[in-house]
N, C-alpha and C. Protein backbone atom coordinates (compact mmCIF):
# COMPACT_ATOMS: atom_id res chain seq x y z
N MET A 1 0.85 -1.17 0.00
CA MET A 1 0.00 0.00 0.00
C MET A 1 0.89 1.24 0.00
N GLU A 2 0.65 2.12 -0.94
CA GLU A 2 1.44 3.35 -1.09
C GLU A 2 0.79 4.48 -0.31
N VAL A 3 1.59 5.20 0.46
CA VAL A 3 1.09 6.35 1.22
C VAL A 3 1.50 7.61 0.48
N LEU A 4 0.52 8.41 0.11
CA LEU A 4 0.78 9.65 -0.60
C LEU A 4 0.89 10.80 0.39
N PRO A 5 1.79 11.74 0.15
CA PRO A 5 1.87 12.90 1.04
C PRO A 5 0.63 13.77 0.89
N ILE A 6 0.24 14.40 1.98
CA ILE A 6 -0.93 15.28 1.98
C ILE A 6 -0.46 16.72 2.09
N ASP A 7 -0.92 17.53 1.18
CA ASP A 7 -0.63 18.97 1.23
C ASP A 7 -1.75 19.62 2.02
N CYS A 8 -1.46 20.02 3.25
CA CYS A 8 -2.49 20.56 4.14
C CYS A 8 -3.12 21.84 3.60
N ALA A 9 -2.41 22.57 2.76
CA ALA A 9 -2.97 23.79 2.19
C ALA A 9 -4.10 23.47 1.23
N GLN A 10 -4.11 22.26 0.67
CA GLN A 10 -5.12 21.87 -0.30
C GLN A 10 -6.29 21.12 0.33
N VAL A 11 -6.16 20.74 1.61
CA VAL A 11 -7.16 19.94 2.28
C VAL A 11 -7.83 20.77 3.36
N PRO A 12 -9.18 20.80 3.40
CA PRO A 12 -9.84 21.62 4.40
C PRO A 12 -9.58 21.19 5.84
N VAL A 13 -9.32 19.93 6.07
CA VAL A 13 -9.03 19.45 7.42
C VAL A 13 -7.64 18.86 7.41
N CYS A 14 -6.79 19.32 8.28
CA CYS A 14 -5.42 18.82 8.38
C CYS A 14 -5.22 18.32 9.80
N GLY A 15 -5.03 17.04 9.96
CA GLY A 15 -4.91 16.48 11.30
C GLY A 15 -6.26 16.55 11.99
N THR A 16 -6.26 16.94 13.26
CA THR A 16 -7.52 17.00 13.99
C THR A 16 -7.96 18.44 14.28
N PHE A 17 -7.24 19.41 13.74
CA PHE A 17 -7.53 20.81 14.05
C PHE A 17 -7.91 21.56 12.79
N ARG A 18 -8.98 22.30 12.86
CA ARG A 18 -9.39 23.14 11.74
C ARG A 18 -9.92 24.44 12.31
N LEU A 19 -9.45 25.56 11.74
CA LEU A 19 -9.96 26.86 12.16
C LEU A 19 -11.40 27.01 11.68
N PRO A 20 -12.26 27.61 12.48
CA PRO A 20 -13.60 27.94 11.96
C PRO A 20 -13.47 28.88 10.77
N ASP A 21 -14.42 28.82 9.86
CA ASP A 21 -14.35 29.63 8.63
C ASP A 21 -14.12 31.10 8.92
N PHE A 22 -14.80 31.66 9.93
CA PHE A 22 -14.65 33.09 10.18
C PHE A 22 -13.22 33.43 10.61
N GLN A 23 -12.52 32.51 11.30
CA GLN A 23 -11.14 32.78 11.69
C GLN A 23 -10.20 32.68 10.49
N GLU A 24 -10.44 31.71 9.60
CA GLU A 24 -9.62 31.59 8.41
C GLU A 24 -9.75 32.83 7.55
N GLN A 25 -10.98 33.34 7.42
CA GLN A 25 -11.20 34.53 6.60
C GLN A 25 -10.59 35.75 7.24
N ALA A 26 -10.48 35.77 8.56
CA ALA A 26 -9.99 36.96 9.26
C ALA A 26 -8.47 37.01 9.34
N MET A 27 -7.79 35.93 9.01
CA MET A 27 -6.33 35.93 9.13
C MET A 27 -5.71 36.85 8.10
N SER A 28 -4.72 37.59 8.52
CA SER A 28 -4.04 38.53 7.65
C SER A 28 -3.16 37.80 6.65
N THR A 29 -3.08 38.34 5.44
CA THR A 29 -2.21 37.77 4.42
C THR A 29 -1.02 38.67 4.15
N HIS A 30 -0.84 39.71 4.96
CA HIS A 30 0.25 40.65 4.74
C HIS A 30 1.58 40.05 5.18
N THR A 31 2.61 40.36 4.44
CA THR A 31 3.95 39.94 4.82
C THR A 31 4.49 40.93 5.85
N ILE A 32 5.61 40.58 6.46
CA ILE A 32 6.23 41.45 7.45
C ILE A 32 6.54 42.82 6.85
N GLU A 33 6.99 42.85 5.60
CA GLU A 33 7.41 44.10 4.97
C GLU A 33 6.26 45.07 4.73
N ASP A 34 5.03 44.57 4.50
CA ASP A 34 3.93 45.48 4.19
C ASP A 34 2.90 45.59 5.31
N ARG A 35 3.26 45.17 6.50
CA ARG A 35 2.34 45.30 7.63
C ARG A 35 2.20 46.74 8.06
N ILE A 36 1.07 47.03 8.65
CA ILE A 36 0.81 48.34 9.24
C ILE A 36 1.60 48.41 10.55
N THR A 37 2.27 49.54 10.78
CA THR A 37 2.98 49.73 12.04
C THR A 37 2.50 51.00 12.71
N ASP A 38 2.54 51.01 14.03
CA ASP A 38 2.13 52.20 14.76
C ASP A 38 3.30 53.19 14.84
N SER A 39 3.10 54.28 15.55
CA SER A 39 4.13 55.33 15.62
C SER A 39 5.40 54.86 16.32
N LYS A 40 5.33 53.75 17.06
CA LYS A 40 6.51 53.18 17.72
C LYS A 40 7.20 52.14 16.86
N GLY A 41 6.65 51.88 15.66
CA GLY A 41 7.25 50.89 14.77
C GLY A 41 6.80 49.47 15.04
N ILE A 42 5.80 49.29 15.87
CA ILE A 42 5.30 47.96 16.21
C ILE A 42 4.28 47.53 15.15
N ALA A 43 4.49 46.33 14.59
CA ALA A 43 3.58 45.81 13.56
C ALA A 43 2.24 45.46 14.19
N LEU A 44 1.16 45.83 13.51
CA LEU A 44 -0.19 45.58 13.99
C LEU A 44 -0.87 44.54 13.11
N GLU A 45 -1.65 43.69 13.71
CA GLU A 45 -2.37 42.66 12.98
C GLU A 45 -3.60 43.26 12.31
N THR A 46 -3.83 42.84 11.07
CA THR A 46 -5.00 43.27 10.32
C THR A 46 -5.70 42.04 9.76
N ASP A 47 -6.98 42.21 9.41
CA ASP A 47 -7.70 41.12 8.77
C ASP A 47 -7.43 41.18 7.26
N VAL A 48 -8.07 40.31 6.51
CA VAL A 48 -7.80 40.24 5.07
C VAL A 48 -8.23 41.50 4.33
N GLU A 49 -9.14 42.28 4.92
CA GLU A 49 -9.56 43.54 4.30
C GLU A 49 -8.66 44.70 4.70
N GLY A 50 -7.71 44.46 5.61
CA GLY A 50 -6.79 45.50 6.04
C GLY A 50 -7.24 46.29 7.24
N SER A 51 -8.32 45.86 7.89
CA SER A 51 -8.80 46.54 9.10
C SER A 51 -8.04 46.02 10.31
N LEU A 52 -7.82 46.90 11.27
CA LEU A 52 -7.11 46.50 12.49
C LEU A 52 -7.93 45.51 13.30
N PHE A 53 -7.25 44.51 13.88
CA PHE A 53 -7.91 43.61 14.81
C PHE A 53 -8.21 44.33 16.12
N ASP A 54 -7.31 45.19 16.56
CA ASP A 54 -7.46 45.90 17.83
C ASP A 54 -7.53 47.40 17.59
N PRO A 55 -8.74 47.98 17.61
CA PRO A 55 -8.88 49.42 17.36
C PRO A 55 -8.15 50.30 18.37
N LEU A 56 -7.85 49.78 19.54
CA LEU A 56 -7.15 50.57 20.55
C LEU A 56 -5.69 50.80 20.19
N ARG A 57 -5.16 50.06 19.23
CA ARG A 57 -3.76 50.21 18.81
C ARG A 57 -3.61 51.30 17.74
N TRP A 58 -4.70 51.91 17.31
CA TRP A 58 -4.69 52.93 16.25
C TRP A 58 -3.98 54.18 16.72
N ASP A 59 -3.25 54.79 15.81
CA ASP A 59 -2.76 56.16 15.99
C ASP A 59 -2.72 56.80 14.60
N GLU A 60 -2.34 58.05 14.53
CA GLU A 60 -2.40 58.76 13.25
C GLU A 60 -1.42 58.20 12.23
N THR A 61 -0.33 57.61 12.69
CA THR A 61 0.61 56.96 11.77
C THR A 61 -0.07 55.78 11.09
N VAL A 62 -0.86 55.04 11.84
CA VAL A 62 -1.62 53.91 11.29
C VAL A 62 -2.61 54.42 10.25
N ALA A 63 -3.32 55.51 10.58
CA ALA A 63 -4.30 56.07 9.65
C ALA A 63 -3.64 56.45 8.33
N GLU A 64 -2.47 57.07 8.39
CA GLU A 64 -1.77 57.47 7.16
C GLU A 64 -1.42 56.26 6.30
N GLN A 65 -0.98 55.17 6.93
CA GLN A 65 -0.62 53.97 6.18
C GLN A 65 -1.84 53.31 5.55
N ILE A 66 -2.93 53.20 6.31
CA ILE A 66 -4.14 52.60 5.76
C ILE A 66 -4.69 53.46 4.63
N ALA A 67 -4.70 54.78 4.83
CA ALA A 67 -5.19 55.69 3.79
C ALA A 67 -4.36 55.55 2.52
N ALA A 68 -3.05 55.45 2.66
CA ALA A 68 -2.18 55.30 1.49
C ALA A 68 -2.52 54.01 0.74
N ARG A 69 -2.79 52.94 1.47
CA ARG A 69 -3.19 51.67 0.82
C ARG A 69 -4.51 51.81 0.08
N GLU A 70 -5.38 52.67 0.61
CA GLU A 70 -6.69 52.89 0.00
C GLU A 70 -6.64 53.95 -1.10
N GLY A 71 -5.48 54.58 -1.29
CA GLY A 71 -5.35 55.60 -2.32
C GLY A 71 -5.90 56.95 -1.91
N VAL A 72 -5.95 57.22 -0.61
CA VAL A 72 -6.50 58.48 -0.08
C VAL A 72 -5.36 59.32 0.50
N ILE A 73 -5.29 60.56 0.07
CA ILE A 73 -4.37 61.52 0.67
C ILE A 73 -5.18 62.28 1.71
N LEU A 74 -4.80 62.15 2.98
CA LEU A 74 -5.58 62.73 4.06
C LEU A 74 -5.43 64.25 4.12
N THR A 75 -6.56 64.94 4.07
CA THR A 75 -6.62 66.40 4.16
C THR A 75 -7.09 66.79 5.56
N ASP A 76 -7.16 68.09 5.82
CA ASP A 76 -7.67 68.57 7.10
C ASP A 76 -9.10 68.08 7.35
N GLU A 77 -9.91 68.03 6.30
CA GLU A 77 -11.29 67.56 6.45
C GLU A 77 -11.33 66.09 6.84
N HIS A 78 -10.48 65.28 6.21
CA HIS A 78 -10.40 63.86 6.60
C HIS A 78 -10.05 63.75 8.08
N TRP A 79 -9.03 64.51 8.51
CA TRP A 79 -8.57 64.42 9.89
C TRP A 79 -9.66 64.85 10.87
N GLN A 80 -10.44 65.88 10.53
CA GLN A 80 -11.52 66.31 11.42
C GLN A 80 -12.52 65.17 11.61
N ILE A 81 -12.84 64.48 10.53
CA ILE A 81 -13.79 63.37 10.60
C ILE A 81 -13.19 62.20 11.37
N LEU A 82 -11.95 61.84 11.05
CA LEU A 82 -11.31 60.70 11.72
C LEU A 82 -11.17 60.96 13.22
N ARG A 83 -10.82 62.17 13.60
CA ARG A 83 -10.69 62.48 15.03
C ARG A 83 -12.04 62.46 15.74
N PHE A 84 -13.09 62.93 15.06
CA PHE A 84 -14.43 62.84 15.63
C PHE A 84 -14.81 61.37 15.83
N MET A 85 -14.54 60.54 14.82
CA MET A 85 -14.85 59.12 14.91
C MET A 85 -14.11 58.46 16.07
N ARG A 86 -12.85 58.81 16.26
CA ARG A 86 -12.07 58.23 17.35
C ARG A 86 -12.59 58.69 18.72
N ARG A 87 -12.96 59.98 18.83
CA ARG A 87 -13.53 60.46 20.10
C ARG A 87 -14.83 59.72 20.41
N TYR A 88 -15.66 59.56 19.38
CA TYR A 88 -16.92 58.84 19.55
C TYR A 88 -16.65 57.41 20.01
N TYR A 89 -15.68 56.76 19.38
CA TYR A 89 -15.33 55.38 19.74
C TYR A 89 -14.85 55.30 21.20
N GLU A 90 -14.01 56.24 21.60
CA GLU A 90 -13.49 56.23 22.97
C GLU A 90 -14.61 56.41 23.99
N GLU A 91 -15.62 57.23 23.66
CA GLU A 91 -16.73 57.47 24.57
C GLU A 91 -17.74 56.33 24.61
N HIS A 92 -18.00 55.70 23.45
CA HIS A 92 -19.09 54.72 23.33
C HIS A 92 -18.64 53.29 23.08
N GLN A 93 -17.35 53.09 22.79
CA GLN A 93 -16.79 51.76 22.50
C GLN A 93 -17.46 51.09 21.29
N ILE A 94 -17.89 51.91 20.36
CA ILE A 94 -18.48 51.43 19.12
C ILE A 94 -18.24 52.49 18.05
N ALA A 95 -18.15 52.06 16.81
CA ALA A 95 -17.97 53.01 15.71
C ALA A 95 -19.22 53.88 15.57
N ALA A 96 -19.00 55.15 15.31
CA ALA A 96 -20.13 56.08 15.12
C ALA A 96 -20.89 55.72 13.85
N ASP A 97 -22.18 55.74 13.94
CA ASP A 97 -23.02 55.57 12.76
C ASP A 97 -22.76 56.75 11.83
N ALA A 98 -22.88 56.53 10.54
CA ALA A 98 -22.61 57.59 9.56
C ALA A 98 -23.45 58.84 9.82
N ARG A 99 -24.66 58.68 10.31
CA ARG A 99 -25.52 59.86 10.54
C ARG A 99 -24.94 60.80 11.59
N PHE A 100 -24.19 60.24 12.59
CA PHE A 100 -23.55 61.09 13.60
C PHE A 100 -22.38 61.84 12.98
N VAL A 101 -21.67 61.18 12.10
CA VAL A 101 -20.56 61.84 11.41
C VAL A 101 -21.09 62.93 10.50
N ILE A 102 -22.16 62.65 9.78
CA ILE A 102 -22.77 63.64 8.89
C ILE A 102 -23.27 64.83 9.70
N ARG A 103 -23.88 64.58 10.86
CA ARG A 103 -24.34 65.67 11.72
C ARG A 103 -23.16 66.52 12.20
N HIS A 104 -22.06 65.86 12.57
CA HIS A 104 -20.85 66.58 12.98
C HIS A 104 -20.33 67.44 11.83
N MET A 105 -20.31 66.88 10.64
CA MET A 105 -19.84 67.63 9.47
C MET A 105 -20.74 68.83 9.19
N ALA A 106 -22.04 68.60 9.29
CA ALA A 106 -23.00 69.68 9.00
C ALA A 106 -22.88 70.80 10.02
N ASP A 107 -22.81 70.45 11.29
CA ASP A 107 -22.83 71.44 12.36
C ASP A 107 -21.44 72.00 12.68
N GLU A 108 -20.50 71.13 12.96
CA GLU A 108 -19.17 71.56 13.43
C GLU A 108 -18.24 72.00 12.29
N MET A 109 -18.42 71.41 11.13
CA MET A 109 -17.55 71.76 10.00
C MET A 109 -18.23 72.77 9.07
N GLY A 110 -19.49 73.12 9.39
CA GLY A 110 -20.20 74.14 8.63
C GLY A 110 -20.65 73.73 7.24
N LEU A 111 -20.83 72.44 7.01
CA LEU A 111 -21.19 71.97 5.66
C LEU A 111 -22.70 71.93 5.42
N GLY A 112 -23.48 72.02 6.49
CA GLY A 112 -24.93 72.02 6.34
C GLY A 112 -25.43 70.82 5.55
N PRO A 113 -26.37 71.08 4.61
CA PRO A 113 -26.97 69.97 3.85
C PRO A 113 -26.00 69.28 2.87
N LYS A 114 -24.84 69.86 2.66
CA LYS A 114 -23.86 69.26 1.75
C LYS A 114 -23.04 68.16 2.42
N ALA A 115 -23.20 68.00 3.73
CA ALA A 115 -22.34 67.10 4.51
C ALA A 115 -22.38 65.66 4.02
N ARG A 116 -23.56 65.13 3.75
CA ARG A 116 -23.67 63.71 3.35
C ARG A 116 -22.89 63.45 2.07
N ASN A 117 -23.12 64.25 1.06
CA ASN A 117 -22.41 64.05 -0.21
C ASN A 117 -20.91 64.24 -0.06
N TYR A 118 -20.53 65.20 0.78
CA TYR A 118 -19.10 65.46 0.96
C TYR A 118 -18.41 64.31 1.67
N LEU A 119 -19.12 63.65 2.61
CA LEU A 119 -18.56 62.48 3.27
C LEU A 119 -18.16 61.44 2.24
N PHE A 120 -19.02 61.23 1.24
CA PHE A 120 -18.74 60.22 0.23
C PHE A 120 -17.78 60.72 -0.86
N GLU A 121 -17.57 62.02 -0.94
CA GLU A 121 -16.49 62.52 -1.79
C GLU A 121 -15.14 62.26 -1.12
N LEU A 122 -15.09 62.48 0.19
CA LEU A 122 -13.84 62.24 0.93
C LEU A 122 -13.50 60.76 1.01
N PHE A 123 -14.52 59.93 1.16
CA PHE A 123 -14.34 58.48 1.29
C PHE A 123 -15.18 57.80 0.21
N PRO A 124 -14.71 57.80 -1.04
CA PRO A 124 -15.53 57.37 -2.17
C PRO A 124 -15.97 55.90 -2.14
N TYR A 125 -15.28 55.05 -1.41
CA TYR A 125 -15.71 53.65 -1.34
C TYR A 125 -16.64 53.41 -0.17
N GLY A 126 -17.09 54.47 0.47
CA GLY A 126 -18.09 54.36 1.50
C GLY A 126 -17.57 54.60 2.91
N TYR A 127 -18.49 54.96 3.76
CA TYR A 127 -18.16 55.27 5.15
C TYR A 127 -17.57 54.05 5.86
N VAL A 128 -18.24 52.91 5.76
CA VAL A 128 -17.78 51.73 6.47
C VAL A 128 -16.49 51.19 5.87
N ARG A 129 -16.45 51.03 4.56
CA ARG A 129 -15.29 50.42 3.91
C ARG A 129 -14.04 51.28 4.00
N MET A 130 -14.18 52.59 3.93
CA MET A 130 -13.00 53.45 3.94
C MET A 130 -12.82 54.22 5.25
N ALA A 131 -13.81 55.01 5.64
CA ALA A 131 -13.64 55.88 6.81
C ALA A 131 -13.42 55.06 8.07
N CYS A 132 -14.24 54.04 8.29
CA CYS A 132 -14.07 53.22 9.49
C CYS A 132 -12.73 52.49 9.47
N LYS A 133 -12.34 52.01 8.32
CA LYS A 133 -11.06 51.30 8.22
C LYS A 133 -9.90 52.24 8.54
N ILE A 134 -9.89 53.42 7.94
CA ILE A 134 -8.80 54.38 8.17
C ILE A 134 -8.79 54.85 9.63
N ALA A 135 -9.98 54.94 10.24
CA ALA A 135 -10.08 55.34 11.65
C ALA A 135 -9.75 54.20 12.60
N GLY A 136 -9.40 53.04 12.05
CA GLY A 136 -8.99 51.91 12.88
C GLY A 136 -10.12 51.10 13.46
N MET A 137 -11.32 51.25 12.92
CA MET A 137 -12.47 50.52 13.44
C MET A 137 -12.63 49.18 12.72
N LYS A 138 -13.18 48.23 13.43
CA LYS A 138 -13.56 46.98 12.79
C LYS A 138 -14.87 47.24 12.05
N ARG A 139 -15.07 46.51 10.97
CA ARG A 139 -16.34 46.65 10.25
C ARG A 139 -17.47 46.10 11.12
N PRO A 140 -18.46 46.92 11.41
CA PRO A 140 -19.59 46.41 12.20
C PRO A 140 -20.30 45.32 11.42
N ARG A 141 -20.65 44.21 12.08
CA ARG A 141 -21.26 43.07 11.40
C ARG A 141 -22.57 43.41 10.72
N ALA A 142 -23.37 44.26 11.34
CA ALA A 142 -24.71 44.54 10.81
C ALA A 142 -24.71 45.56 9.68
N TRP A 143 -23.58 46.22 9.42
CA TRP A 143 -23.56 47.27 8.42
C TRP A 143 -23.21 46.71 7.06
N SER A 144 -23.68 47.39 6.05
CA SER A 144 -23.32 47.03 4.68
C SER A 144 -21.94 47.60 4.38
N THR A 145 -21.51 47.48 3.13
CA THR A 145 -20.20 47.98 2.77
C THR A 145 -20.22 49.48 2.54
N GLY A 146 -21.38 50.12 2.48
CA GLY A 146 -21.47 51.55 2.19
C GLY A 146 -21.31 52.36 3.38
């Protein structure tokens, strides 16, 4: 009887241990060279979409790196929104809903009724996919990609 070698990368179950699907999908595929690092140079773990596993490890250096990966050059307006999102997160331990960000933009940034459209001009791939990611938030499970 011939025993053939098994390539565990090709087989869904290897030995007696298998990661649940959600953990396999969440594992980062970034190499050491392209990992996100904080202002101290410490590499941070991200999921396959590039979102931080631990939002508390976020700093502005992290935001700049994530934005660069997303093709966004951060302006003063971006920073005002990102800082508001981070303050909201620190107070509530949850990402701010887009309507709170839009209200902040309308009232505090003086954009009035133009705030909603401007949010999506600044973050063209959507509030959750871009703004939350750059602000170091995990994607909320119940939210869509917009």
